[in-house]
Amino acid sequence: MAELQEVQITEEKPLLPGQTPEAAKTHSVETPYGSVTFTVYGTPKPKRPAILTYHDVGLNYKSCFQPLFQFGDMQEIIQNFVRVHVDAPGMEEGAPVFPLGYQYPSLDQLADMIPCVLQYLNFSTVIGVGVGAGAYILSRYALTGLTSSIPEMILGHLFSQEELSGNSELIQKYRNIITRAPNLDNIELYWNSYNNRRDLNFERGGDITLKCPVMLVVGDQAPHEDAVVECNSKLDPTQTSFLKMADSGGQPQLTQPGKLTEAFKYFLQGMGYMASSCMTRLSRSRTASLTSAASIDGNRSRSRTLSQSSESGTLSSGPPGHTMEVSC
């Protein structure tokens, strides 16, 4: 998808007292069904969708929606949302006449152009405002857009809203990986299988539970934090270790690999492995306080779980017979 043009314009409308002209940018992008032009007003607001409009037959975005968005009471709304006005192909101001024999896109194909607009703008959600044919197009997009927005749904599964809104290099990297994946159809099948999963029906003290040592890890900003907490409540506390990582989103193995590595090492040591493993720098910095605590407690230190605390959080090590809820 390549940008064809970008021009700076100012919306022609009477200004309210104290109001300044609203800057707009008009873009044109290529889609599988030809070029589509759209105009953006305002800047994206964190955690808020864009308002996307689509006009009726015989109109363009200005003649269809300008009176509505110029209305005084509407100003409070438009100050809080970025607006995207889509013009159907050839309906934008100054559009050339299509050549003889040109095959105009069907309404379904016009709906299929919308994901290209949203991908170009890096928008994941919109509030649609359509009139007549435009309302049909937006309705069709809402029905078929699930397939088109599979990458965004997967990203919402992998990362928290805070992470997605921040649009860090990590988010951009994985959005790129998923949206440009050559096996996206296969990914969608895997995604559908995940969404059709059955409940594990864990029950603490019941017949269905994990009888092996378990370490549950979740970021404190993870999209499924509550689900992991609930899972922990249903597992055997003598076999389960629970870590809640501070400053970590939905993928702690990507955002906090060092802390996760240390926690995993303690888990393995609790199972009787890697007893002679070298401590990490984070562990070494806490050795003095641990030694002091052990000498005070005497022999009790052999039977209890050692806890390590610092301003970055808490980690616990010990045999699997201990449930720990920590922030690290």
C-alpha atoms as a PDB file:
ATOM      1  CA  MET A   1       0.000   0.000   0.000  1.00  0.00           C
ATOM      2  CA  ALA A   2       1.662   3.210  -1.102  1.00  0.00           C
ATOM      3  CA  GLU A   3       0.659   6.768  -0.348  1.00  0.00           C
ATOM      4  CA  LEU A   4      -0.108   8.670  -3.524  1.00  0.00           C
ATOM      5  CA  GLN A   5      -0.526  12.169  -2.220  1.00  0.00           C
ATOM      6  CA  GLU A   6      -0.703  14.249   0.923  1.00  0.00           C
ATOM      7  CA  VAL A   7      -1.757  17.881   0.865  1.00  0.00           C
ATOM      8  CA  GLN A   8      -2.389  20.391   3.639  1.00  0.00           C
ATOM      9  CA  ILE A   9      -5.800  22.084   3.498  1.00  0.00           C
ATOM     10  CA  THR A  10      -8.051  24.043   5.822  1.00  0.00           C
ATOM     11  CA  GLU A  11     -11.713  23.193   6.216  1.00  0.00           C
ATOM     12  CA  GLU A  12     -13.985  25.890   4.830  1.00  0.00           C
ATOM     13  CA  LYS A  13     -16.537  26.680   7.512  1.00  0.00           C
ATOM     14  CA  PRO A  14     -17.621  29.614   9.627  1.00  0.00           C
ATOM     15  CA  LEU A  15     -15.664  29.743  12.850  1.00  0.00           C
ATOM     16  CA  LEU A  16     -17.239  29.926  16.254  1.00  0.00           C
ATOM     17  CA  PRO A  17     -16.044  32.679  18.640  1.00  0.00           C
ATOM     18  CA  GLY A  18     -12.540  31.872  19.822  1.00  0.00           C
ATOM     19  CA  GLN A  19     -12.209  28.931  17.433  1.00  0.00           C
ATOM     20  CA  THR A  20      -9.230  28.503  15.125  1.00  0.00           C
ATOM     21  CA  PRO A  21      -9.262  26.784  11.740  1.00  0.00           C
ATOM     22  CA  GLU A  22      -8.945  23.021  12.014  1.00  0.00           C
ATOM     23  CA  ALA A  23      -6.024  21.581  10.080  1.00  0.00           C
ATOM     24  CA  ALA A  24      -6.720  18.625   7.827  1.00  0.00           C
ATOM     25  CA  LYS A  25      -4.669  16.254   5.737  1.00  0.00           C
ATOM     26  CA  THR A  26      -5.957  14.498   2.647  1.00  0.00           C
ATOM     27  CA  HIS A  27      -4.417  11.139   1.776  1.00  0.00           C
ATOM     28  CA  SER A  28      -4.857   8.697  -1.069  1.00  0.00           C
ATOM     29  CA  VAL A  29      -3.861   5.035  -0.768  1.00  0.00           C
ATOM     30  CA  GLU A  30      -3.894   2.105  -3.158  1.00  0.00           C
ATOM     31  CA  THR A  31      -6.136  -0.846  -2.359  1.00  0.00           C
ATOM     32  CA  PRO A  32      -6.833  -4.110  -4.213  1.00  0.00           C
ATOM     33  CA  TYR A  33      -9.819  -2.333  -5.821  1.00  0.00           C
ATOM     34  CA  GLY A  34      -8.199   0.952  -6.744  1.00  0.00           C
ATOM     35  CA  SER A  35      -7.304   4.191  -5.021  1.00  0.00           C
ATOM     36  CA  VAL A  36      -9.364   5.671  -2.175  1.00  0.00           C
ATOM     37  CA  THR A  37      -9.095   9.201  -0.806  1.00  0.00           C
ATOM     38  CA  PHE A  38      -9.783  10.222   2.777  1.00  0.00           C
ATOM     39  CA  THR A  39      -9.318  13.349   4.872  1.00  0.00           C
ATOM     40  CA  VAL A  40      -8.183  13.371   8.496  1.00  0.00           C
ATOM     41  CA  TYR A  41      -9.029  16.101  11.014  1.00  0.00           C
ATOM     42  CA  GLY A  42      -7.433  16.305  14.440  1.00  0.00           C
ATOM     43  CA  THR A  43      -4.889  14.077  16.124  1.00  0.00           C
ATOM     44  CA  PRO A  44      -5.448  10.578  17.565  1.00  0.00           C
ATOM     45  CA  LYS A  45      -6.488  10.504  21.211  1.00  0.00           C
ATOM     46  CA  PRO A  46      -5.102   7.740  23.464  1.00  0.00           C
ATOM     47  CA  LYS A  47      -7.544   4.891  24.114  1.00  0.00           C
ATOM     48  CA  ARG A  48     -10.206   6.479  21.877  1.00  0.00           C
ATOM     49  CA  PRO A  49     -11.396   5.286  18.478  1.00  0.00           C
ATOM     50  CA  ALA A  50     -11.542   7.515  15.441  1.00  0.00           C
ATOM     51  CA  ILE A  51     -14.822   8.727  13.952  1.00  0.00           C
ATOM     52  CA  LEU A  52     -14.996   7.472  10.362  1.00  0.00           C
ATOM     53  CA  THR A  53     -17.632   8.771   7.950  1.00  0.00           C
ATOM     54  CA  TYR A  54     -18.852   7.487   4.590  1.00  0.00           C
ATOM     55  CA  HIS A  55     -21.177   9.585   2.424  1.00  0.00           C
ATOM     56  CA  ASP A  56     -24.210   8.750   0.290  1.00  0.00           C
ATOM     57  CA  VAL A  57     -24.560   8.583  -3.513  1.00  0.00           C
ATOM     58  CA  GLY A  58     -24.265  11.956  -5.288  1.00  0.00           C
ATOM     59  CA  LEU A  59     -22.365  13.542  -2.401  1.00  0.00           C
ATOM     60  CA  ASN A  60     -18.839  13.682  -1.065  1.00  0.00           C
ATOM     61  CA  TYR A  61     -17.697  13.978   2.531  1.00  0.00           C
ATOM     62  CA  LYS A  62     -18.032  17.770   2.566  1.00  0.00           C
ATOM     63  CA  SER A  63     -21.508  18.030   1.044  1.00  0.00           C
ATOM     64  CA  CYS A  64     -22.747  15.120   3.170  1.00  0.00           C
ATOM     65  CA  PHE A  65     -21.205  15.812   6.585  1.00  0.00           C
ATOM     66  CA  GLN A  66     -19.933  19.389   6.732  1.00  0.00           C
ATOM     67  CA  PRO A  67     -23.214  20.853   8.100  1.00  0.00           C
ATOM     68  CA  LEU A  68     -23.259  18.253  10.878  1.00  0.00           C
ATOM     69  CA  PHE A  69     -19.654  18.765  11.954  1.00  0.00           C
ATOM     70  CA  GLN A  70     -19.985  22.552  11.741  1.00  0.00           C
ATOM     71  CA  PHE A  71     -22.929  22.526  14.143  1.00  0.00           C
ATOM     72  CA  GLY A  72     -22.098  24.308  17.392  1.00  0.00           C
ATOM     73  CA  ASP A  73     -22.967  21.500  19.774  1.00  0.00           C
ATOM     74  CA  MET A  74     -20.886  19.079  17.703  1.00  0.00           C
ATOM     75  CA  GLN A  75     -17.676  20.951  18.545  1.00  0.00           C
ATOM     76  CA  GLU A  76     -17.411  19.323  21.957  1.00  0.00           C
ATOM     77  CA  ILE A  77     -17.436  15.925  20.256  1.00  0.00           C
ATOM     78  CA  ILE A  78     -14.936  16.660  17.502  1.00  0.00           C
ATOM     79  CA  GLN A  79     -12.476  18.107  20.006  1.00  0.00           C
ATOM     80  CA  ASN A  80     -12.289  14.678  21.621  1.00  0.00           C
ATOM     81  CA  PHE A  81     -11.980  12.455  18.559  1.00  0.00           C
ATOM     82  CA  VAL A  82      -9.877  12.335  15.424  1.00  0.00           C
ATOM     83  CA  ARG A  83     -12.107  12.254  12.311  1.00  0.00           C
ATOM     84  CA  VAL A  84     -11.559  10.315   9.092  1.00  0.00           C
ATOM     85  CA  HIS A  85     -13.823  11.274   6.166  1.00  0.00           C
ATOM     86  CA  VAL A  86     -13.690   8.704   3.360  1.00  0.00           C
ATOM     87  CA  ASP A  87     -14.648   9.701  -0.171  1.00  0.00           C
ATOM     88  CA  ALA A  88     -15.838   6.935  -2.478  1.00  0.00           C
ATOM     89  CA  PRO A  89     -13.518   6.584  -5.508  1.00  0.00           C
ATOM     90  CA  GLY A  90     -13.969   9.448  -7.947  1.00  0.00           C
ATOM     91  CA  MET A  91     -16.219  11.419  -5.559  1.00  0.00           C
ATOM     92  CA  GLU A  92     -13.545  13.602  -3.991  1.00  0.00           C
ATOM     93  CA  GLU A  93     -13.294  17.246  -5.055  1.00  0.00           C
ATOM     94  CA  GLY A  94     -11.306  17.637  -8.277  1.00  0.00           C
ATOM     95  CA  ALA A  95     -11.462  13.928  -9.133  1.00  0.00           C
ATOM     96  CA  PRO A  96     -10.864  13.164 -12.813  1.00  0.00           C
ATOM     97  CA  VAL A  97     -13.530  11.391 -14.880  1.00  0.00           C
ATOM     98  CA  PHE A  98     -12.950   7.651 -15.036  1.00  0.00           C
ATOM     99  CA  PRO A  99     -12.029   6.320 -18.493  1.00  0.00           C
ATOM    100  CA  LEU A 100     -14.647   4.668 -20.666  1.00  0.00           C
ATOM    101  CA  GLY A 101     -15.212   1.074 -19.622  1.00  0.00           C
ATOM    102  CA  TYR A 102     -13.933   1.579 -16.063  1.00  0.00           C
ATOM    103  CA  GLN A 103     -15.419  -1.038 -13.721  1.00  0.00           C
ATOM    104  CA  TYR A 104     -16.535   0.752 -10.552  1.00  0.00           C
ATOM    105  CA  PRO A 105     -16.026  -1.245  -7.303  1.00  0.00           C
ATOM    106  CA  SER A 106     -19.050  -2.973  -5.810  1.00  0.00           C
ATOM    107  CA  LEU A 107     -20.273  -1.838  -2.395  1.00  0.00           C
ATOM    108  CA  ASP A 108     -18.694  -4.947  -0.908  1.00  0.00           C
ATOM    109  CA  GLN A 109     -15.374  -4.006  -2.480  1.00  0.00           C
ATOM    110  CA  LEU A 110     -15.724  -0.439  -1.196  1.00  0.00           C
ATOM    111  CA  ALA A 111     -16.151  -1.936   2.288  1.00  0.00           C
ATOM    112  CA  ASP A 112     -13.008  -3.994   1.738  1.00  0.00           C
ATOM    113  CA  MET A 113     -11.071  -0.772   1.105  1.00  0.00           C
ATOM    114  CA  ILE A 114     -11.659   0.446   4.668  1.00  0.00           C
ATOM    115  CA  PRO A 115      -9.054  -1.859   6.296  1.00  0.00           C
ATOM    116  CA  CYS A 116      -6.440  -0.354   3.960  1.00  0.00           C
ATOM    117  CA  VAL A 117      -7.339   3.105   5.258  1.00  0.00           C
ATOM    118  CA  LEU A 118      -7.161   1.982   8.883  1.00  0.00           C
ATOM    119  CA  GLN A 119      -3.879   0.146   8.362  1.00  0.00           C
ATOM    120  CA  TYR A 120      -2.340   3.197   6.735  1.00  0.00           C
ATOM    121  CA  LEU A 121      -3.419   5.357   9.696  1.00  0.00           C
ATOM    122  CA  ASN A 122      -2.530   2.666  12.237  1.00  0.00           C
ATOM    123  CA  PHE A 123      -6.060   2.808  13.694  1.00  0.00           C
ATOM    124  CA  SER A 124      -7.501  -0.346  15.238  1.00  0.00           C
ATOM    125  CA  THR A 125     -11.056   0.809  16.076  1.00  0.00           C
ATOM    126  CA  VAL A 126     -13.492   3.348  14.629  1.00  0.00           C
ATOM    127  CA  ILE A 127     -16.956   4.728  15.261  1.00  0.00           C
ATOM    128  CA  GLY A 128     -18.695   4.622  11.883  1.00  0.00           C
ATOM    129  CA  VAL A 129     -21.068   7.340  10.682  1.00  0.00           C
ATOM    130  CA  GLY A 130     -22.670   6.508   7.332  1.00  0.00           C
ATOM    131  CA  VAL A 131     -25.566   7.848   5.263  1.00  0.00           C
ATOM    132  CA  GLY A 132     -27.459   5.774   2.700  1.00  0.00           C
ATOM    133  CA  ALA A 133     -24.958   3.898   0.573  1.00  0.00           C
ATOM    134  CA  GLY A 134     -22.276   4.886   3.079  1.00  0.00           C
ATOM    135  CA  ALA A 135     -24.248   3.257   5.898  1.00  0.00           C
ATOM    136  CA  TYR A 136     -24.455   0.039   3.856  1.00  0.00           C
ATOM    137  CA  ILE A 137     -20.712   0.109   3.209  1.00  0.00           C
ATOM    138  CA  LEU A 138     -19.914   0.572   6.895  1.00  0.00           C
ATOM    139  CA  SER A 139     -22.389  -2.167   7.837  1.00  0.00           C
ATOM    140  CA  ARG A 140     -20.761  -4.510   5.351  1.00  0.00           C
ATOM    141  CA  TYR A 141     -17.356  -3.650   6.786  1.00  0.00           C
ATOM    142  CA  ALA A 142     -18.625  -4.381  10.313  1.00  0.00           C
ATOM    143  CA  LEU A 143     -19.808  -7.818   9.113  1.00  0.00           C
ATOM    144  CA  THR A 144     -16.639  -8.744   7.193  1.00  0.00           C
ATOM    145  CA  GLY A 145     -14.131  -6.589   9.010  1.00  0.00           C
ATOM    146  CA  LEU A 146     -13.431  -9.326  11.558  1.00  0.00           C
ATOM    147  CA  THR A 147     -11.331 -11.190   9.034  1.00  0.00           C
ATOM    148  CA  SER A 148      -9.606  -8.016   7.934  1.00  0.00           C
ATOM    149  CA  SER A 149      -8.790  -7.020  11.516  1.00  0.00           C
ATOM    150  CA  ILE A 150      -7.469 -10.416  12.628  1.00  0.00           C
ATOM    151  CA  PRO A 151      -3.986  -8.888  13.188  1.00  0.00           C
ATOM    152  CA  GLU A 152      -5.427  -6.205  15.461  1.00  0.00           C
ATOM    153  CA  MET A 153      -7.444  -8.736  17.446  1.00  0.00           C
ATOM    154  CA  ILE A 154      -4.350 -10.874  17.894  1.00  0.00           C
ATOM    155  CA  LEU A 155      -2.332  -7.832  18.991  1.00  0.00           C
ATOM    156  CA  GLY A 156      -5.093  -7.062  21.515  1.00  0.00           C
ATOM    157  CA  HIS A 157      -4.668 -10.612  22.795  1.00  0.00           C
ATOM    158  CA  LEU A 158      -0.891 -10.331  23.060  1.00  0.00           C
ATOM    159  CA  PHE A 159      -0.556  -6.818  24.472  1.00  0.00           C
ATOM    160  CA  SER A 160      -2.456  -4.496  26.813  1.00  0.00           C
ATOM    161  CA  GLN A 161      -4.328  -1.411  25.616  1.00  0.00           C
ATOM    162  CA  GLU A 162      -1.722   0.750  27.336  1.00  0.00           C
ATOM    163  CA  GLU A 163       1.019  -0.946  25.336  1.00  0.00           C
ATOM    164  CA  LEU A 164      -0.880  -0.642  22.053  1.00  0.00           C
ATOM    165  CA  SER A 165      -1.675   3.032  22.696  1.00  0.00           C
ATOM    166  CA  GLY A 166       1.992   3.721  23.441  1.00  0.00           C
ATOM    167  CA  ASN A 167       2.910   2.219  20.061  1.00  0.00           C
ATOM    168  CA  SER A 168       6.478   1.486  21.149  1.00  0.00           C
ATOM    169  CA  GLU A 169       9.112  -0.011  18.870  1.00  0.00           C
ATOM    170  CA  LEU A 170       8.163  -3.419  20.257  1.00  0.00           C
ATOM    171  CA  ILE A 171       4.501  -2.955  19.300  1.00  0.00           C
ATOM    172  CA  GLN A 172       5.432  -1.661  15.856  1.00  0.00           C
ATOM    173  CA  LYS A 173       7.733  -4.650  15.359  1.00  0.00           C
ATOM    174  CA  TYR A 174       5.105  -7.241  16.225  1.00  0.00           C
ATOM    175  CA  ARG A 175       2.340  -5.421  14.359  1.00  0.00           C
ATOM    176  CA  ASN A 176       4.624  -5.603  11.325  1.00  0.00           C
ATOM    177  CA  ILE A 177       5.340  -9.295  11.883  1.00  0.00           C
ATOM    178  CA  ILE A 178       1.666 -10.206  12.159  1.00  0.00           C
ATOM    179  CA  THR A 179       0.099  -7.930   9.532  1.00  0.00           C
ATOM    180  CA  ARG A 180       2.725  -8.873   6.925  1.00  0.00           C
ATOM    181  CA  ALA A 181       2.897 -12.557   7.779  1.00  0.00           C
ATOM    182  CA  PRO A 182       2.774 -14.627   4.562  1.00  0.00           C
ATOM    183  CA  ASN A 183       0.863 -17.318   6.483  1.00  0.00           C
ATOM    184  CA  LEU A 184      -1.808 -14.985   7.872  1.00  0.00           C
ATOM    185  CA  ASP A 185      -4.548 -17.400   6.748  1.00  0.00           C
ATOM    186  CA  ASN A 186      -2.925 -20.129   8.829  1.00  0.00           C
ATOM    187  CA  ILE A 187      -2.614 -17.759  11.785  1.00  0.00           C
ATOM    188  CA  GLU A 188      -6.327 -17.032  11.514  1.00  0.00           C
ATOM    189  CA  LEU A 189      -7.100 -20.764  11.722  1.00  0.00           C
ATOM    190  CA  TYR A 190      -4.963 -21.071  14.860  1.00  0.00           C
ATOM    191  CA  TRP A 191      -6.719 -17.969  16.277  1.00  0.00           C
ATOM    192  CA  ASN A 192     -10.130 -19.488  15.589  1.00  0.00           C
ATOM    193  CA  SER A 193      -9.105 -22.700  17.353  1.00  0.00           C
ATOM    194  CA  TYR A 194      -7.994 -20.683  20.368  1.00  0.00           C
ATOM    195  CA  ASN A 195     -11.312 -18.851  20.497  1.00  0.00           C
ATOM    196  CA  ASN A 196     -13.169 -22.186  20.399  1.00  0.00           C
ATOM    197  CA  ARG A 197     -11.163 -23.660  23.279  1.00  0.00           C
ATOM    198  CA  ARG A 198     -12.870 -25.526  26.118  1.00  0.00           C
ATOM    199  CA  ASP A 199     -12.566 -24.519  29.754  1.00  0.00           C
ATOM    200  CA  LEU A 200      -9.940 -26.536  31.635  1.00  0.00           C
ATOM    201  CA  ASN A 201     -12.353 -26.788  34.602  1.00  0.00           C
ATOM    202  CA  PHE A 202      -9.614 -26.674  37.215  1.00  0.00           C
ATOM    203  CA  GLU A 203     -10.904 -27.000  40.752  1.00  0.00           C
ATOM    204  CA  ARG A 204      -8.744 -26.609  43.843  1.00  0.00           C
ATOM    205  CA  GLY A 205      -9.026 -29.783  45.847  1.00  0.00           C
ATOM    206  CA  GLY A 206     -11.040 -31.458  43.099  1.00  0.00           C
ATOM    207  CA  ASP A 207     -10.270 -34.282  40.708  1.00  0.00           C
ATOM    208  CA  ILE A 208      -9.261 -31.965  37.854  1.00  0.00           C
ATOM    209  CA  THR A 209      -6.127 -30.077  38.796  1.00  0.00           C
ATOM    210  CA  LEU A 210      -2.437 -30.002  37.952  1.00  0.00           C
ATOM    211  CA  LYS A 211      -0.430 -32.316  40.208  1.00  0.00           C
ATOM    212  CA  CYS A 212       2.977 -31.140  39.001  1.00  0.00           C
ATOM    213  CA  PRO A 213       4.905 -27.993  40.022  1.00  0.00           C
ATOM    214  CA  VAL A 214       3.519 -24.927  38.218  1.00  0.00           C
ATOM    215  CA  MET A 215       4.825 -21.396  37.810  1.00  0.00           C
ATOM    216  CA  LEU A 216       2.253 -18.863  36.618  1.00  0.00           C
ATOM    217  CA  VAL A 217       3.631 -15.565  35.309  1.00  0.00           C
ATOM    218  CA  VAL A 218       1.604 -12.506  34.313  1.00  0.00           C
ATOM    219  CA  GLY A 219       2.458  -8.868  33.716  1.00  0.00           C
ATOM    220  CA  ASP A 220       0.724  -6.307  35.898  1.00  0.00           C
ATOM    221  CA  GLN A 221      -0.627  -4.666  32.730  1.00  0.00           C
ATOM    222  CA  ALA A 222      -1.444  -7.867  30.863  1.00  0.00           C
ATOM    223  CA  PRO A 223      -4.800  -8.040  29.031  1.00  0.00           C
ATOM    224  CA  HIS A 224      -5.554 -11.379  30.740  1.00  0.00           C
ATOM    225  CA  GLU A 225      -4.274 -10.623  34.229  1.00  0.00           C
ATOM    226  CA  ASP A 226      -7.620 -11.445  35.869  1.00  0.00           C
ATOM    227  CA  ALA A 227      -7.805 -14.812  34.103  1.00  0.00           C
ATOM    228  CA  VAL A 228      -4.344 -15.797  35.353  1.00  0.00           C
ATOM    229  CA  VAL A 229      -5.213 -14.709  38.902  1.00  0.00           C
ATOM    230  CA  GLU A 230      -8.376 -16.819  38.725  1.00  0.00           C
ATOM    231  CA  CYS A 231      -6.405 -19.802  37.412  1.00  0.00           C
ATOM    232  CA  ASN A 232      -3.999 -19.473  40.328  1.00  0.00           C
ATOM    233  CA  SER A 233      -6.925 -19.553  42.760  1.00  0.00           C
ATOM    234  CA  LYS A 234      -8.014 -22.922  41.341  1.00  0.00           C
ATOM    235  CA  LEU A 235      -4.643 -24.667  41.481  1.00  0.00           C
ATOM    236  CA  ASP A 236      -3.035 -26.581  44.349  1.00  0.00           C
ATOM    237  CA  PRO A 237      -1.226 -23.945  46.451  1.00  0.00           C
ATOM    238  CA  THR A 238       1.410 -26.497  47.492  1.00  0.00           C
ATOM    239  CA  GLN A 239       2.451 -26.956  43.865  1.00  0.00           C
ATOM    240  CA  THR A 240       1.973 -23.464  42.460  1.00  0.00           C
ATOM    241  CA  SER A 241       4.179 -20.385  42.257  1.00  0.00           C
ATOM    242  CA  PHE A 242       2.531 -17.175  41.065  1.00  0.00           C
ATOM    243  CA  LEU A 243       4.505 -14.188  39.791  1.00  0.00           C
ATOM    244  CA  LYS A 244       2.979 -10.848  38.914  1.00  0.00           C
ATOM    245  CA  MET A 245       5.613  -8.780  37.156  1.00  0.00           C
ATOM    246  CA  ALA A 246       5.659  -5.024  37.579  1.00  0.00           C
ATOM    247  CA  ASP A 247       6.227  -2.822  34.524  1.00  0.00           C
ATOM    248  CA  SER A 248       5.326  -5.691  32.232  1.00  0.00           C
ATOM    249  CA  GLY A 249       2.472  -6.086  29.790  1.00  0.00           C
ATOM    250  CA  GLY A 250       1.085  -9.111  28.040  1.00  0.00           C
ATOM    251  CA  GLN A 251       4.420 -10.581  26.962  1.00  0.00           C
ATOM    252  CA  PRO A 252       6.902 -10.515  29.898  1.00  0.00           C
ATOM    253  CA  GLN A 253       9.297 -12.766  27.975  1.00  0.00           C
ATOM    254  CA  LEU A 254       9.698  -9.839  25.569  1.00  0.00           C
ATOM    255  CA  THR A 255       9.565  -6.877  27.945  1.00  0.00           C
ATOM    256  CA  GLN A 256      11.260  -8.312  31.070  1.00  0.00           C
ATOM    257  CA  PRO A 257      13.465 -11.240  29.938  1.00  0.00           C
ATOM    258  CA  GLY A 258      16.010 -10.682  32.725  1.00  0.00           C
ATOM    259  CA  LYS A 259      13.496 -10.817  35.553  1.00  0.00           C
ATOM    260  CA  LEU A 260      11.687 -13.762  34.004  1.00  0.00           C
ATOM    261  CA  THR A 261      14.975 -15.644  33.616  1.00  0.00           C
ATOM    262  CA  GLU A 262      15.775 -15.131  37.286  1.00  0.00           C
ATOM    263  CA  ALA A 263      12.297 -16.240  38.364  1.00  0.00           C
ATOM    264  CA  PHE A 264      12.544 -19.325  36.155  1.00  0.00           C
ATOM    265  CA  LYS A 265      15.931 -20.186  37.684  1.00  0.00           C
ATOM    266  CA  TYR A 266      14.446 -20.051  41.186  1.00  0.00           C
ATOM    267  CA  PHE A 267      11.580 -22.256  40.033  1.00  0.00           C
ATOM    268  CA  LEU A 268      14.023 -24.842  38.673  1.00  0.00           C
ATOM    269  CA  GLN A 269      16.096 -24.693  41.846  1.00  0.00           C
ATOM    270  CA  GLY A 270      12.941 -25.277  43.860  1.00  0.00           C
ATOM    271  CA  MET A 271      12.425 -28.457  41.868  1.00  0.00           C
ATOM    272  CA  GLY A 272      15.937 -29.604  42.792  1.00  0.00           C
ATOM    273  CA  TYR A 273      17.749 -28.597  39.610  1.00  0.00           C
ATOM    274  CA  MET A 274      20.661 -26.192  39.058  1.00  0.00           C
ATOM    275  CA  ALA A 275      21.475 -25.973  42.760  1.00  0.00           C
ATOM    276  CA  SER A 276      24.990 -24.728  41.973  1.00  0.00           C
ATOM    277  CA  SER A 277      23.846 -22.192  39.370  1.00  0.00           C
ATOM    278  CA  CYS A 278      25.416 -18.763  39.609  1.00  0.00           C
ATOM    279  CA  MET A 279      23.144 -16.066  40.958  1.00  0.00           C
ATOM    280  CA  THR A 280      22.246 -13.129  38.788  1.00  0.00           C
ATOM    281  CA  ARG A 281      23.451  -9.621  39.523  1.00  0.00           C
ATOM    282  CA  LEU A 282      20.018  -8.848  40.978  1.00  0.00           C
ATOM    283  CA  SER A 283      20.302 -11.826  43.338  1.00  0.00           C
ATOM    284  CA  ARG A 284      23.864 -10.994  44.390  1.00  0.00           C
ATOM    285  CA  SER A 285      22.822  -7.500  45.398  1.00  0.00           C
ATOM    286  CA  ARG A 286      20.419  -9.031  47.893  1.00  0.00           C
ATOM    287  CA  THR A 287      22.715 -11.690  49.345  1.00  0.00           C
ATOM    288  CA  ALA A 288      23.681  -9.685  52.444  1.00  0.00           C
ATOM    289  CA  SER A 289      20.112  -9.120  53.567  1.00  0.00           C
ATOM    290  CA  LEU A 290      19.263 -12.784  52.949  1.00  0.00           C
ATOM    291  CA  THR A 291      22.256 -13.977  54.996  1.00  0.00           C
ATOM    292  CA  SER A 292      21.326 -11.668  57.828  1.00  0.00           C
ATOM    293  CA  ALA A 293      17.734 -12.868  57.822  1.00  0.00           C
ATOM    294  CA  ALA A 294      18.857 -16.494  57.799  1.00  0.00           C
ATOM    295  CA  SER A 295      21.165 -16.049  60.777  1.00  0.00           C
ATOM    296  CA  ILE A 296      18.427 -14.404  62.825  1.00  0.00           C
ATOM    297  CA  ASP A 297      15.891 -17.066  62.063  1.00  0.00           C
ATOM    298  CA  GLY A 298      18.333 -19.904  62.762  1.00  0.00           C
ATOM    299  CA  ASN A 299      17.221 -23.328  61.738  1.00  0.00           C
ATOM    300  CA  ARG A 300      13.833 -22.029  60.601  1.00  0.00           C
ATOM    301  CA  SER A 301      15.557 -20.705  57.482  1.00  0.00           C
ATOM    302  CA  ARG A 302      15.963 -24.266  56.260  1.00  0.00           C
ATOM    303  CA  SER A 303      12.241 -24.978  56.244  1.00  0.00           C
ATOM    304  CA  ARG A 304      10.819 -21.752  54.978  1.00  0.00           C
ATOM    305  CA  THR A 305      10.869 -20.018  51.636  1.00  0.00           C
ATOM    306  CA  LEU A 306      13.438 -17.285  51.363  1.00  0.00           C
ATOM    307  CA  SER A 307      12.050 -13.961  50.213  1.00  0.00           C
ATOM    308  CA  GLN A 308      14.107 -11.307  48.535  1.00  0.00           C
ATOM    309  CA  SER A 309      12.942  -7.728  48.494  1.00  0.00           C
ATOM    310  CA  SER A 310      14.089  -4.615  46.743  1.00  0.00           C
ATOM    311  CA  GLU A 311      12.502  -1.486  45.425  1.00  0.00           C
ATOM    312  CA  SER A 312      11.984  -3.294  42.133  1.00  0.00           C
ATOM    313  CA  GLY A 313       9.811  -5.902  43.800  1.00  0.00           C
ATOM    314  CA  THR A 314       9.969  -9.284  45.439  1.00  0.00           C
ATOM    315  CA  LEU A 315      11.088 -12.705  44.332  1.00  0.00           C
ATOM    316  CA  SER A 316      10.746 -15.945  46.253  1.00  0.00           C
ATOM    317  CA  SER A 317      12.665 -19.181  45.960  1.00  0.00           C
ATOM    318  CA  GLY A 318      12.029 -22.526  47.521  1.00  0.00           C
ATOM    319  CA  PRO A 319      10.393 -25.872  46.957  1.00  0.00           C
ATOM    320  CA  PRO A 320       7.194 -26.091  44.916  1.00  0.00           C
ATOM    321  CA  GLY A 321       5.172 -26.436  48.094  1.00  0.00           C
ATOM    322  CA  HIS A 322       4.647 -22.698  48.284  1.00  0.00           C
ATOM    323  CA  THR A 323       2.346 -20.250  46.565  1.00  0.00           C
ATOM    324  CA  MET A 324       3.859 -16.860  45.997  1.00  0.00           C
ATOM    325  CA  GLU A 325       2.343 -13.687  44.642  1.00  0.00           C
ATOM    326  CA  VAL A 326       5.179 -11.350  43.879  1.00  0.00           C
ATOM    327  CA  SER A 327       6.015  -8.252  41.918  1.00  0.00           C
ATOM    328  CA  CYS A 328       9.451  -8.185  40.416  1.00  0.00           C
END
